[in-house]
Amino acid sequence: MASNIKASFAVVFVFVLTLNAFIGGIDAAGECGKTPIRTAAASLSPCLNAAGNASAKVPPACCTKISALIKTSPKCLCAVLLSPLAKQAGIKPAIGITVPKRCNISNRPVGKKCGRYTVP
């Protein structure tokens, strides 16, 4: 009996996860345009260490990705930084928001709000 309940729970859990992924993929235009936020976040993987540690060197690959994201969808960077996915990855929004400045990106949205953080 207990194994049947566990099996049923597992099936329901997998169904809910699948449905959530499907519904999440339907979003036609969010903060990251047609790009799912998970994909946008994954593209910023070179920035992971720098977004979690203020004294870490920002790799050139990170700066290239951040610069491109700011040009195409500046709100997407904020959405990624504030996402639960970023938190799980160890990104600290207060540090992550400084990465464009640390990359010397001149077209960053200085003074814009990202949640409770302001772009330096």
PDB file of N, CA and C in Angstrom:
ATOM      1  N   MET A   1       0.823  -1.181   0.000  1.00  0.00           N
ATOM      2  CA  MET A   1       0.000   0.000   0.000  1.00  0.00           C
ATOM      3  C   MET A   1       0.871   1.250   0.000  1.00  0.00           C
ATOM      4  N   ALA A   2       1.899   1.318   0.866  1.00  0.00           N
ATOM      5  CA  ALA A   2       2.776   2.483   0.931  1.00  0.00           C
ATOM      6  C   ALA A   2       3.526   2.662  -0.379  1.00  0.00           C
ATOM      7  N   SER A   3       3.913   1.565  -1.018  1.00  0.00           N
ATOM      8  CA  SER A   3       4.634   1.681  -2.287  1.00  0.00           C
ATOM      9  C   SER A   3       3.718   2.216  -3.383  1.00  0.00           C
ATOM     10  N   ASN A   4       2.409   1.868  -3.327  1.00  0.00           N
ATOM     11  CA  ASN A   4       1.459   2.406  -4.306  1.00  0.00           C
ATOM     12  C   ASN A   4       1.298   3.915  -4.135  1.00  0.00           C
ATOM     13  N   ILE A   5       1.271   4.367  -2.892  1.00  0.00           N
ATOM     14  CA  ILE A   5       1.131   5.799  -2.624  1.00  0.00           C
ATOM     15  C   ILE A   5       2.377   6.528  -3.108  1.00  0.00           C
ATOM     16  N   LYS A   6       3.551   5.961  -2.846  1.00  0.00           N
ATOM     17  CA  LYS A   6       4.795   6.572  -3.310  1.00  0.00           C
ATOM     18  C   LYS A   6       4.841   6.625  -4.829  1.00  0.00           C
ATOM     19  N   ALA A   7       4.437   5.558  -5.471  1.00  0.00           N
ATOM     20  CA  ALA A   7       4.432   5.509  -6.934  1.00  0.00           C
ATOM     21  C   ALA A   7       3.455   6.531  -7.497  1.00  0.00           C
ATOM     22  N   SER A   8       2.288   6.629  -6.904  1.00  0.00           N
ATOM     23  CA  SER A   8       1.291   7.607  -7.353  1.00  0.00           C
ATOM     24  C   SER A   8       1.811   9.031  -7.170  1.00  0.00           C
ATOM     25  N   PHE A   9       2.431   9.273  -6.036  1.00  0.00           N
ATOM     26  CA  PHE A   9       2.998  10.588  -5.774  1.00  0.00           C
ATOM     27  C   PHE A   9       4.068  10.916  -6.803  1.00  0.00           C
ATOM     28  N   ALA A  10       4.910   9.955  -7.126  1.00  0.00           N
ATOM     29  CA  ALA A  10       5.980  10.169  -8.098  1.00  0.00           C
ATOM     30  C   ALA A  10       5.400  10.501  -9.470  1.00  0.00           C
ATOM     31  N   VAL A  11       4.355   9.813  -9.875  1.00  0.00           N
ATOM     32  CA  VAL A  11       3.725  10.072 -11.175  1.00  0.00           C
ATOM     33  C   VAL A  11       3.128  11.479 -11.195  1.00  0.00           C
ATOM     34  N   VAL A  12       2.431  11.850 -10.138  1.00  0.00           N
ATOM     35  CA  VAL A  12       1.833  13.181 -10.056  1.00  0.00           C
ATOM     36  C   VAL A  12       2.933  14.246 -10.056  1.00  0.00           C
ATOM     37  N   PHE A  13       3.995  14.006  -9.322  1.00  0.00           N
ATOM     38  CA  PHE A  13       5.101  14.956  -9.245  1.00  0.00           C
ATOM     39  C   PHE A  13       5.726  15.169 -10.630  1.00  0.00           C
ATOM     40  N   VAL A  14       5.998  14.104 -11.340  1.00  0.00           N
ATOM     41  CA  VAL A  14       6.581  14.194 -12.685  1.00  0.00           C
ATOM     42  C   VAL A  14       5.616  14.927 -13.620  1.00  0.00           C
ATOM     43  N   PHE A  15       4.317  14.634 -13.506  1.00  0.00           N
ATOM     44  CA  PHE A  15       3.322  15.300 -14.329  1.00  0.00           C
ATOM     45  C   PHE A  15       3.315  16.808 -14.070  1.00  0.00           C
ATOM     46  N   VAL A  16       3.349  17.194 -12.813  1.00  0.00           N
ATOM     47  CA  VAL A  16       3.344  18.617 -12.456  1.00  0.00           C
ATOM     48  C   VAL A  16       4.608  19.300 -12.981  1.00  0.00           C
ATOM     49  N   LEU A  17       5.753  18.662 -12.837  1.00  0.00           N
ATOM     50  CA  LEU A  17       6.992  19.237 -13.358  1.00  0.00           C
ATOM     51  C   LEU A  17       6.936  19.401 -14.874  1.00  0.00           C
ATOM     52  N   THR A  18       6.423  18.402 -15.557  1.00  0.00           N
ATOM     53  CA  THR A  18       6.305  18.459 -17.012  1.00  0.00           C
ATOM     54  C   THR A  18       5.347  19.557 -17.432  1.00  0.00           C
ATOM     55  N   LEU A  19       4.214  19.643 -16.760  1.00  0.00           N
ATOM     56  CA  LEU A  19       3.228  20.677 -17.062  1.00  0.00           C
ATOM     57  C   LEU A  19       3.811  22.061 -16.811  1.00  0.00           C
ATOM     58  N   ASN A  20       4.529  22.214 -15.717  1.00  0.00           N
ATOM     59  CA  ASN A  20       5.155  23.494 -15.394  1.00  0.00           C
ATOM     60  C   ASN A  20       6.170  23.892 -16.468  1.00  0.00           C
ATOM     61  N   ALA A  21       6.964  22.953 -16.915  1.00  0.00           N
ATOM     62  CA  ALA A  21       7.946  23.237 -17.963  1.00  0.00           C
ATOM     63  C   ALA A  21       7.239  23.605 -19.265  1.00  0.00           C
ATOM     64  N   PHE A  22       6.156  22.907 -19.580  1.00  0.00           N
ATOM     65  CA  PHE A  22       5.413  23.192 -20.800  1.00  0.00           C
ATOM     66  C   PHE A  22       4.772  24.566 -20.734  1.00  0.00           C
ATOM     67  N   ILE A  23       4.114  24.873 -19.636  1.00  0.00           N
ATOM     68  CA  ILE A  23       3.462  26.176 -19.481  1.00  0.00           C
ATOM     69  C   ILE A  23       4.505  27.283 -19.462  1.00  0.00           C
ATOM     70  N   GLY A  24       5.627  27.063 -18.788  1.00  0.00           N
ATOM     71  CA  GLY A  24       6.688  28.051 -18.745  1.00  0.00           C
ATOM     72  C   GLY A  24       7.265  28.320 -20.122  1.00  0.00           C
ATOM     73  N   GLY A  25       7.259  27.322 -20.995  1.00  0.00           N
ATOM     74  CA  GLY A  25       7.776  27.486 -22.348  1.00  0.00           C
ATOM     75  C   GLY A  25       6.817  28.210 -23.268  1.00  0.00           C
ATOM     76  N   ILE A  26       5.558  28.349 -22.869  1.00  0.00           N
ATOM     77  CA  ILE A  26       4.562  29.003 -23.701  1.00  0.00           C
ATOM     78  C   ILE A  26       4.708  30.514 -23.665  1.00  0.00           C
ATOM     79  N   ASP A  27       5.258  31.053 -22.607  1.00  0.00           N
ATOM     80  CA  ASP A  27       5.423  32.508 -22.501  1.00  0.00           C
ATOM     81  C   ASP A  27       6.037  33.039 -23.789  1.00  0.00           C
ATOM     82  N   ALA A  28       5.273  33.786 -24.530  1.00  0.00           N
ATOM     83  CA  ALA A  28       5.735  34.281 -25.818  1.00  0.00           C
ATOM     84  C   ALA A  28       6.721  35.425 -25.664  1.00  0.00           C
ATOM     85  N   ALA A  29       6.470  36.314 -24.736  1.00  0.00           N
ATOM     86  CA  ALA A  29       7.350  37.472 -24.612  1.00  0.00           C
ATOM     87  C   ALA A  29       7.392  37.939 -23.174  1.00  0.00           C
ATOM     88  N   GLY A  30       8.397  37.482 -22.456  1.00  0.00           N
ATOM     89  CA  GLY A  30       8.592  37.922 -21.083  1.00  0.00           C
ATOM     90  C   GLY A  30       9.699  38.957 -21.054  1.00  0.00           C
ATOM     91  N   GLU A  31      10.327  39.099 -19.908  1.00  0.00           N
ATOM     92  CA  GLU A  31      11.424  40.058 -19.763  1.00  0.00           C
ATOM     93  C   GLU A  31      12.583  39.741 -20.704  1.00  0.00           C
ATOM     94  N   CYS A  32      12.701  38.494 -21.109  1.00  0.00           N
ATOM     95  CA  CYS A  32      13.788  38.079 -21.994  1.00  0.00           C
ATOM     96  C   CYS A  32      13.296  37.844 -23.423  1.00  0.00           C
ATOM     97  N   GLY A  33      12.191  38.468 -23.770  1.00  0.00           N
ATOM     98  CA  GLY A  33      11.635  38.287 -25.103  1.00  0.00           C
ATOM     99  C   GLY A  33      11.122  36.873 -25.259  1.00  0.00           C
ATOM    100  N   LYS A  34      11.423  36.262 -26.382  1.00  0.00           N
ATOM    101  CA  LYS A  34      10.972  34.886 -26.620  1.00  0.00           C
ATOM    102  C   LYS A  34      11.931  33.856 -26.040  1.00  0.00           C
ATOM    103  N   THR A  35      13.040  34.315 -25.500  1.00  0.00           N
ATOM    104  CA  THR A  35      14.019  33.419 -24.889  1.00  0.00           C
ATOM    105  C   THR A  35      13.562  33.061 -23.483  1.00  0.00           C
ATOM    106  N   PRO A  36      13.416  31.775 -23.174  1.00  0.00           N
ATOM    107  CA  PRO A  36      13.066  31.397 -21.803  1.00  0.00           C
ATOM    108  C   PRO A  36      14.140  31.887 -20.830  1.00  0.00           C
ATOM    109  N   ILE A  37      13.715  32.285 -19.649  1.00  0.00           N
ATOM    110  CA  ILE A  37      14.651  32.834 -18.670  1.00  0.00           C
ATOM    111  C   ILE A  37      15.748  31.824 -18.314  1.00  0.00           C
ATOM    112  N   ARG A  38      15.425  30.542 -18.318  1.00  0.00           N
ATOM    113  CA  ARG A  38      16.442  29.520 -18.031  1.00  0.00           C
ATOM    114  C   ARG A  38      17.542  29.539 -19.084  1.00  0.00           C
ATOM    115  N   THR A  39      17.148  29.738 -20.344  1.00  0.00           N
ATOM    116  CA  THR A  39      18.126  29.793 -21.434  1.00  0.00           C
ATOM    117  C   THR A  39      18.992  31.034 -21.300  1.00  0.00           C
ATOM    118  N   ALA A  40      18.353  32.163 -20.982  1.00  0.00           N
ATOM    119  CA  ALA A  40      19.105  33.405 -20.784  1.00  0.00           C
ATOM    120  C   ALA A  40      20.084  33.250 -19.624  1.00  0.00           C
ATOM    121  N   ALA A  41      19.618  32.638 -18.536  1.00  0.00           N
ATOM    122  CA  ALA A  41      20.478  32.424 -17.370  1.00  0.00           C
ATOM    123  C   ALA A  41      21.647  31.508 -17.721  1.00  0.00           C
ATOM    124  N   ALA A  42      21.370  30.449 -18.468  1.00  0.00           N
ATOM    125  CA  ALA A  42      22.434  29.514 -18.855  1.00  0.00           C
ATOM    126  C   ALA A  42      23.480  30.194 -19.730  1.00  0.00           C
ATOM    127  N   SER A  43      23.045  31.142 -20.561  1.00  0.00           N
ATOM    128  CA  SER A  43      24.003  31.835 -21.426  1.00  0.00           C
ATOM    129  C   SER A  43      24.977  32.699 -20.622  1.00  0.00           C
ATOM    130  N   LEU A  44      24.566  33.037 -19.400  1.00  0.00           N
ATOM    131  CA  LEU A  44      25.426  33.863 -18.541  1.00  0.00           C
ATOM    132  C   LEU A  44      26.292  33.030 -17.598  1.00  0.00           C
ATOM    133  N   SER A  45      26.414  31.748 -17.876  1.00  0.00           N
ATOM    134  CA  SER A  45      27.204  30.872 -17.001  1.00  0.00           C
ATOM    135  C   SER A  45      28.653  31.333 -16.812  1.00  0.00           C
ATOM    136  N   PRO A  46      29.291  31.997 -17.800  1.00  0.00           N
ATOM    137  CA  PRO A  46      30.648  32.479 -17.540  1.00  0.00           C
ATOM    138  C   PRO A  46      30.710  33.522 -16.416  1.00  0.00           C
ATOM    139  N   CYS A  47      29.555  34.083 -16.048  1.00  0.00           N
ATOM    140  CA  CYS A  47      29.497  35.128 -15.032  1.00  0.00           C
ATOM    141  C   CYS A  47      29.232  34.580 -13.626  1.00  0.00           C
ATOM    142  N   LEU A  48      29.027  33.303 -13.518  1.00  0.00           N
ATOM    143  CA  LEU A  48      28.572  32.710 -12.266  1.00  0.00           C
ATOM    144  C   LEU A  48      29.451  33.083 -11.080  1.00  0.00           C
ATOM    145  N   ASN A  49      30.735  32.914 -11.181  1.00  0.00           N
ATOM    146  CA  ASN A  49      31.635  33.208 -10.062  1.00  0.00           C
ATOM    147  C   ASN A  49      31.633  34.708  -9.734  1.00  0.00           C
ATOM    148  N   ALA A  50      31.691  35.544 -10.766  1.00  0.00           N
ATOM    149  CA  ALA A  50      31.740  36.995 -10.550  1.00  0.00           C
ATOM    150  C   ALA A  50      30.439  37.532  -9.963  1.00  0.00           C
ATOM    151  N   ALA A  51      29.315  36.872 -10.245  1.00  0.00           N
ATOM    152  CA  ALA A  51      28.023  37.331  -9.740  1.00  0.00           C
ATOM    153  C   ALA A  51      27.761  36.866  -8.309  1.00  0.00           C
ATOM    154  N   GLY A  52      28.626  36.017  -7.804  1.00  0.00           N
ATOM    155  CA  GLY A  52      28.480  35.551  -6.432  1.00  0.00           C
ATOM    156  C   GLY A  52      29.596  36.009  -5.514  1.00  0.00           C
ATOM    157  N   ASN A  53      30.633  36.622  -6.098  1.00  0.00           N
ATOM    158  CA  ASN A  53      31.805  37.020  -5.326  1.00  0.00           C
ATOM    159  C   ASN A  53      32.322  38.353  -5.867  1.00  0.00           C
ATOM    160  N   ALA A  54      32.172  39.412  -5.088  1.00  0.00           N
ATOM    161  CA  ALA A  54      32.548  40.762  -5.533  1.00  0.00           C
ATOM    162  C   ALA A  54      34.034  40.913  -5.822  1.00  0.00           C
ATOM    163  N   SER A  55      34.860  40.071  -5.243  1.00  0.00           N
ATOM    164  CA  SER A  55      36.296  40.195  -5.486  1.00  0.00           C
ATOM    165  C   SER A  55      36.788  39.282  -6.609  1.00  0.00           C
ATOM    166  N   ALA A  56      35.883  38.495  -7.183  1.00  0.00           N
ATOM    167  CA  ALA A  56      36.273  37.610  -8.283  1.00  0.00           C
ATOM    168  C   ALA A  56      36.474  38.408  -9.564  1.00  0.00           C
ATOM    169  N   LYS A  57      37.457  37.997 -10.355  1.00  0.00           N
ATOM    170  CA  LYS A  57      37.705  38.637 -11.642  1.00  0.00           C
ATOM    171  C   LYS A  57      36.567  38.254 -12.591  1.00  0.00           C
ATOM    172  N   VAL A  58      36.106  39.231 -13.367  1.00  0.00           N
ATOM    173  CA  VAL A  58      35.038  38.971 -14.332  1.00  0.00           C
ATOM    174  C   VAL A  58      35.684  38.508 -15.638  1.00  0.00           C
ATOM    175  N   PRO A  59      35.384  37.291 -16.080  1.00  0.00           N
ATOM    176  CA  PRO A  59      35.999  36.790 -17.312  1.00  0.00           C
ATOM    177  C   PRO A  59      35.507  37.552 -18.548  1.00  0.00           C
ATOM    178  N   PRO A  60      36.357  37.694 -19.553  1.00  0.00           N
ATOM    179  CA  PRO A  60      35.955  38.369 -20.788  1.00  0.00           C
ATOM    180  C   PRO A  60      34.699  37.759 -21.426  1.00  0.00           C
ATOM    181  N   ALA A  61      34.562  36.438 -21.356  1.00  0.00           N
ATOM    182  CA  ALA A  61      33.376  35.785 -21.930  1.00  0.00           C
ATOM    183  C   ALA A  61      32.100  36.265 -21.248  1.00  0.00           C
ATOM    184  N   CYS A  62      32.188  36.523 -19.952  1.00  0.00           N
ATOM    185  CA  CYS A  62      31.053  37.044 -19.204  1.00  0.00           C
ATOM    186  C   CYS A  62      30.708  38.443 -19.699  1.00  0.00           C
ATOM    187  N   CYS A  63      31.705  39.276 -19.837  1.00  0.00           N
ATOM    188  CA  CYS A  63      31.474  40.655 -20.274  1.00  0.00           C
ATOM    189  C   CYS A  63      30.850  40.693 -21.658  1.00  0.00           C
ATOM    190  N   THR A  64      31.277  39.800 -22.535  1.00  0.00           N
ATOM    191  CA  THR A  64      30.707  39.721 -23.881  1.00  0.00           C
ATOM    192  C   THR A  64      29.227  39.357 -23.810  1.00  0.00           C
ATOM    193  N   LYS A  65      28.890  38.366 -22.987  1.00  0.00           N
ATOM    194  CA  LYS A  65      27.498  37.930 -22.843  1.00  0.00           C
ATOM    195  C   LYS A  65      26.638  39.026 -22.220  1.00  0.00           C
ATOM    196  N   ILE A  66      27.150  39.672 -21.173  1.00  0.00           N
ATOM    197  CA  ILE A  66      26.399  40.736 -20.504  1.00  0.00           C
ATOM    198  C   ILE A  66      26.165  41.903 -21.463  1.00  0.00           C
ATOM    199  N   SER A  67      27.176  42.286 -22.197  1.00  0.00           N
ATOM    200  CA  SER A  67      27.058  43.392 -23.139  1.00  0.00           C
ATOM    201  C   SER A  67      25.990  43.092 -24.192  1.00  0.00           C
ATOM    202  N   ALA A  68      26.011  41.891 -24.731  1.00  0.00           N
ATOM    203  CA  ALA A  68      25.022  41.495 -25.739  1.00  0.00           C
ATOM    204  C   ALA A  68      23.614  41.496 -25.149  1.00  0.00           C
ATOM    205  N   LEU A  69      23.475  41.016 -23.931  1.00  0.00           N
ATOM    206  CA  LEU A  69      22.159  40.964 -23.285  1.00  0.00           C
ATOM    207  C   LEU A  69      21.631  42.370 -23.014  1.00  0.00           C
ATOM    208  N   ILE A  70      22.499  43.268 -22.590  1.00  0.00           N
ATOM    209  CA  ILE A  70      22.074  44.652 -22.336  1.00  0.00           C
ATOM    210  C   ILE A  70      21.612  45.318 -23.640  1.00  0.00           C
ATOM    211  N   LYS A  71      22.285  45.010 -24.743  1.00  0.00           N
ATOM    212  CA  LYS A  71      21.902  45.590 -26.040  1.00  0.00           C
ATOM    213  C   LYS A  71      20.548  45.060 -26.508  1.00  0.00           C
ATOM    214  N   THR A  72      20.315  43.764 -26.342  1.00  0.00           N
ATOM    215  CA  THR A  72      19.099  43.159 -26.880  1.00  0.00           C
ATOM    216  C   THR A  72      17.916  43.211 -25.923  1.00  0.00           C
ATOM    217  N   SER A  73      18.180  43.048 -24.629  1.00  0.00           N
ATOM    218  CA  SER A  73      17.076  42.982 -23.666  1.00  0.00           C
ATOM    219  C   SER A  73      17.572  43.318 -22.259  1.00  0.00           C
ATOM    220  N   PRO A  74      17.748  44.609 -21.960  1.00  0.00           N
ATOM    221  CA  PRO A  74      18.310  44.986 -20.653  1.00  0.00           C
ATOM    222  C   PRO A  74      17.473  44.523 -19.464  1.00  0.00           C
ATOM    223  N   LYS A  75      16.161  44.420 -19.618  1.00  0.00           N
ATOM    224  CA  LYS A  75      15.316  43.952 -18.517  1.00  0.00           C
ATOM    225  C   LYS A  75      15.559  42.478 -18.212  1.00  0.00           C
ATOM    226  N   CYS A  76      16.053  41.760 -19.188  1.00  0.00           N
ATOM    227  CA  CYS A  76      16.305  40.329 -19.009  1.00  0.00           C
ATOM    228  C   CYS A  76      17.387  40.092 -17.961  1.00  0.00           C
ATOM    229  N   LEU A  77      18.419  40.917 -17.959  1.00  0.00           N
ATOM    230  CA  LEU A  77      19.494  40.763 -16.976  1.00  0.00           C
ATOM    231  C   LEU A  77      18.934  40.859 -15.567  1.00  0.00           C
ATOM    232  N   CYS A  78      18.088  41.820 -15.344  1.00  0.00           N
ATOM    233  CA  CYS A  78      17.464  41.988 -14.032  1.00  0.00           C
ATOM    234  C   CYS A  78      16.603  40.768 -13.693  1.00  0.00           C
ATOM    235  N   ALA A  79      15.822  40.310 -14.665  1.00  0.00           N
ATOM    236  CA  ALA A  79      14.958  39.145 -14.435  1.00  0.00           C
ATOM    237  C   ALA A  79      15.786  37.921 -14.064  1.00  0.00           C
ATOM    238  N   VAL A  80      16.907  37.748 -14.729  1.00  0.00           N
ATOM    239  CA  VAL A  80      17.786  36.608 -14.428  1.00  0.00           C
ATOM    240  C   VAL A  80      18.362  36.749 -13.019  1.00  0.00           C
ATOM    241  N   LEU A  81      18.861  37.935 -12.690  1.00  0.00           N
ATOM    242  CA  LEU A  81      19.475  38.153 -11.370  1.00  0.00           C
ATOM    243  C   LEU A  81      18.494  37.927 -10.223  1.00  0.00           C
ATOM    244  N   LEU A  82      17.236  38.243 -10.441  1.00  0.00           N
ATOM    245  CA  LEU A  82      16.236  38.112  -9.377  1.00  0.00           C
ATOM    246  C   LEU A  82      15.488  36.786  -9.406  1.00  0.00           C
ATOM    247  N   SER A  83      15.823  35.923 -10.339  1.00  0.00           N
ATOM    248  CA  SER A  83      15.109  34.651 -10.481  1.00  0.00           C
ATOM    249  C   SER A  83      15.507  33.648  -9.394  1.00  0.00           C
ATOM    250  N   PRO A  84      14.596  32.743  -9.062  1.00  0.00           N
ATOM    251  CA  PRO A  84      14.933  31.670  -8.116  1.00  0.00           C
ATOM    252  C   PRO A  84      16.097  30.820  -8.621  1.00  0.00           C
ATOM    253  N   LEU A  85      16.191  30.681  -9.930  1.00  0.00           N
ATOM    254  CA  LEU A  85      17.274  29.909 -10.528  1.00  0.00           C
ATOM    255  C   LEU A  85      18.632  30.515 -10.173  1.00  0.00           C
ATOM    256  N   ALA A  86      18.728  31.849 -10.218  1.00  0.00           N
ATOM    257  CA  ALA A  86      19.978  32.528  -9.870  1.00  0.00           C
ATOM    258  C   ALA A  86      20.323  32.304  -8.399  1.00  0.00           C
ATOM    259  N   LYS A  87      19.320  32.391  -7.571  1.00  0.00           N
ATOM    260  CA  LYS A  87      19.543  32.174  -6.137  1.00  0.00           C
ATOM    261  C   LYS A  87      20.076  30.762  -5.890  1.00  0.00           C
ATOM    262  N   GLN A  88      19.486  29.784  -6.570  1.00  0.00           N
ATOM    263  CA  GLN A  88      19.940  28.395  -6.427  1.00  0.00           C
ATOM    264  C   GLN A  88      21.384  28.235  -6.889  1.00  0.00           C
ATOM    265  N   ALA A  89      21.785  29.038  -7.876  1.00  0.00           N
ATOM    266  CA  ALA A  89      23.139  28.936  -8.426  1.00  0.00           C
ATOM    267  C   ALA A  89      24.165  29.686  -7.587  1.00  0.00           C
ATOM    268  N   GLY A  90      23.717  30.392  -6.545  1.00  0.00           N
ATOM    269  CA  GLY A  90      24.641  31.108  -5.675  1.00  0.00           C
ATOM    270  C   GLY A  90      24.890  32.546  -6.083  1.00  0.00           C
ATOM    271  N   ILE A  91      24.088  33.045  -7.017  1.00  0.00           N
ATOM    272  CA  ILE A  91      24.227  34.438  -7.443  1.00  0.00           C
ATOM    273  C   ILE A  91      23.611  35.338  -6.391  1.00  0.00           C
ATOM    274  N   LYS A  92      24.333  36.379  -6.057  1.00  0.00           N
ATOM    275  CA  LYS A  92      23.838  37.377  -5.114  1.00  0.00           C
ATOM    276  C   LYS A  92      23.482  38.609  -5.929  1.00  0.00           C
ATOM    277  N   PRO A  93      22.190  38.980  -5.995  1.00  0.00           N
ATOM    278  CA  PRO A  93      21.789  40.103  -6.843  1.00  0.00           C
ATOM    279  C   PRO A  93      22.579  41.388  -6.590  1.00  0.00           C
ATOM    280  N   ALA A  94      22.888  41.685  -5.339  1.00  0.00           N
ATOM    281  CA  ALA A  94      23.637  42.907  -5.025  1.00  0.00           C
ATOM    282  C   ALA A  94      25.027  42.886  -5.659  1.00  0.00           C
ATOM    283  N   ILE A  95      25.593  41.706  -5.828  1.00  0.00           N
ATOM    284  CA  ILE A  95      26.905  41.572  -6.475  1.00  0.00           C
ATOM    285  C   ILE A  95      26.731  41.441  -7.980  1.00  0.00           C
ATOM    286  N   GLY A  96      25.756  40.652  -8.406  1.00  0.00           N
ATOM    287  CA  GLY A  96      25.514  40.444  -9.829  1.00  0.00           C
ATOM    288  C   GLY A  96      25.222  41.733 -10.571  1.00  0.00           C
ATOM    289  N   ILE A  97      24.533  42.641  -9.919  1.00  0.00           N
ATOM    290  CA  ILE A  97      24.170  43.910 -10.555  1.00  0.00           C
ATOM    291  C   ILE A  97      25.397  44.774 -10.832  1.00  0.00           C
ATOM    292  N   THR A  98      26.523  44.467 -10.172  1.00  0.00           N
ATOM    293  CA  THR A  98      27.756  45.231 -10.387  1.00  0.00           C
ATOM    294  C   THR A  98      28.596  44.708 -11.554  1.00  0.00           C
ATOM    295  N   VAL A  99      28.247  43.542 -12.081  1.00  0.00           N
ATOM    296  CA  VAL A  99      29.067  42.935 -13.135  1.00  0.00           C
ATOM    297  C   VAL A  99      29.178  43.831 -14.374  1.00  0.00           C
ATOM    298  N   PRO A 100      28.098  44.447 -14.872  1.00  0.00           N
ATOM    299  CA  PRO A 100      28.284  45.325 -16.042  1.00  0.00           C
ATOM    300  C   PRO A 100      29.278  46.457 -15.796  1.00  0.00           C
ATOM    301  N   LYS A 101      29.270  47.022 -14.606  1.00  0.00           N
ATOM    302  CA  LYS A 101      30.241  48.084 -14.287  1.00  0.00           C
ATOM    303  C   LYS A 101      31.643  47.504 -14.210  1.00  0.00           C
ATOM    304  N   ARG A 102      31.767  46.334 -13.603  1.00  0.00           N
ATOM    305  CA  ARG A 102      33.072  45.688 -13.485  1.00  0.00           C
ATOM    306  C   ARG A 102      33.622  45.297 -14.856  1.00  0.00           C
ATOM    307  N   CYS A 103      32.725  45.159 -15.845  1.00  0.00           N
ATOM    308  CA  CYS A 103      33.127  44.871 -17.228  1.00  0.00           C
ATOM    309  C   CYS A 103      33.406  46.145 -18.011  1.00  0.00           C
ATOM    310  N   ASN A 104      33.191  47.302 -17.375  1.00  0.00           N
ATOM    311  CA  ASN A 104      33.347  48.596 -18.046  1.00  0.00           C
ATOM    312  C   ASN A 104      32.420  48.737 -19.251  1.00  0.00           C
ATOM    313  N   ILE A 105      31.198  48.240 -19.120  1.00  0.00           N
ATOM    314  CA  ILE A 105      30.206  48.363 -20.185  1.00  0.00           C
ATOM    315  C   ILE A 105      29.591  49.757 -20.089  1.00  0.00           C
ATOM    316  N   SER A 106      29.812  50.554 -21.115  1.00  0.00           N
ATOM    317  CA  SER A 106      29.380  51.955 -21.069  1.00  0.00           C
ATOM    318  C   SER A 106      27.876  52.127 -21.283  1.00  0.00           C
ATOM    319  N   ASN A 107      27.236  51.208 -21.998  1.00  0.00           N
ATOM    320  CA  ASN A 107      25.804  51.364 -22.269  1.00  0.00           C
ATOM    321  C   ASN A 107      24.915  50.668 -21.238  1.00  0.00           C
ATOM    322  N   ARG A 108      25.464  50.389 -20.059  1.00  0.00           N
ATOM    323  CA  ARG A 108      24.656  49.759 -19.014  1.00  0.00           C
ATOM    324  C   ARG A 108      23.607  50.770 -18.526  1.00  0.00           C
ATOM    325  N   PRO A 109      22.469  50.286 -18.062  1.00  0.00           N
ATOM    326  CA  PRO A 109      21.395  51.198 -17.636  1.00  0.00           C
ATOM    327  C   PRO A 109      21.645  51.784 -16.235  1.00  0.00           C
ATOM    328  N   VAL A 110      22.631  52.660 -16.128  1.00  0.00           N
ATOM    329  CA  VAL A 110      23.022  53.264 -14.844  1.00  0.00           C
ATOM    330  C   VAL A 110      21.822  53.954 -14.200  1.00  0.00           C
ATOM    331  N   GLY A 111      21.645  53.699 -12.911  1.00  0.00           N
ATOM    332  CA  GLY A 111      20.575  54.327 -12.150  1.00  0.00           C
ATOM    333  C   GLY A 111      19.233  53.624 -12.223  1.00  0.00           C
ATOM    334  N   LYS A 112      19.111  52.631 -13.111  1.00  0.00           N
ATOM    335  CA  LYS A 112      17.850  51.887 -13.224  1.00  0.00           C
ATOM    336  C   LYS A 112      17.726  50.928 -12.056  1.00  0.00           C
ATOM    337  N   LYS A 113      16.500  50.699 -11.653  1.00  0.00           N
ATOM    338  CA  LYS A 113      16.217  49.781 -10.551  1.00  0.00           C
ATOM    339  C   LYS A 113      16.095  48.352 -11.057  1.00  0.00           C
ATOM    340  N   CYS A 114      16.605  47.444 -10.266  1.00  0.00           N
ATOM    341  CA  CYS A 114      16.462  46.012 -10.498  1.00  0.00           C
ATOM    342  C   CYS A 114      16.026  45.451  -9.156  1.00  0.00           C
ATOM    343  N   GLY A 115      14.714  45.367  -8.969  1.00  0.00           N
ATOM    344  CA  GLY A 115      14.207  45.009  -7.649  1.00  0.00           C
ATOM    345  C   GLY A 115      14.585  46.107  -6.688  1.00  0.00           C
ATOM    346  N   ARG A 116      15.207  45.752  -5.600  1.00  0.00           N
ATOM    347  CA  ARG A 116      15.635  46.769  -4.632  1.00  0.00           C
ATOM    348  C   ARG A 116      17.051  47.261  -4.877  1.00  0.00           C
ATOM    349  N   TYR A 117      17.650  46.805  -5.971  1.00  0.00           N
ATOM    350  CA  TYR A 117      19.027  47.174  -6.306  1.00  0.00           C
ATOM    351  C   TYR A 117      19.030  48.209  -7.421  1.00  0.00           C
ATOM    352  N   THR A 118      20.049  49.051  -7.437  1.00  0.00           N
ATOM    353  CA  THR A 118      20.212  50.069  -8.475  1.00  0.00           C
ATOM    354  C   THR A 118      21.469  49.762  -9.265  1.00  0.00           C
ATOM    355  N   VAL A 119      21.361  49.834 -10.578  1.00  0.00           N
ATOM    356  CA  VAL A 119      22.506  49.568 -11.439  1.00  0.00           C
ATOM    357  C   VAL A 119      23.547  50.663 -11.251  1.00  0.00           C
ATOM    358  N   PRO A 120      24.776  50.295 -10.844  1.00  0.00           N
ATOM    359  CA  PRO A 120      25.823  51.312 -10.642  1.00  0.00           C
ATOM    360  C   PRO A 120      26.419  51.771 -11.979  1.00  0.00           C
TER     361      PRO A 120
END
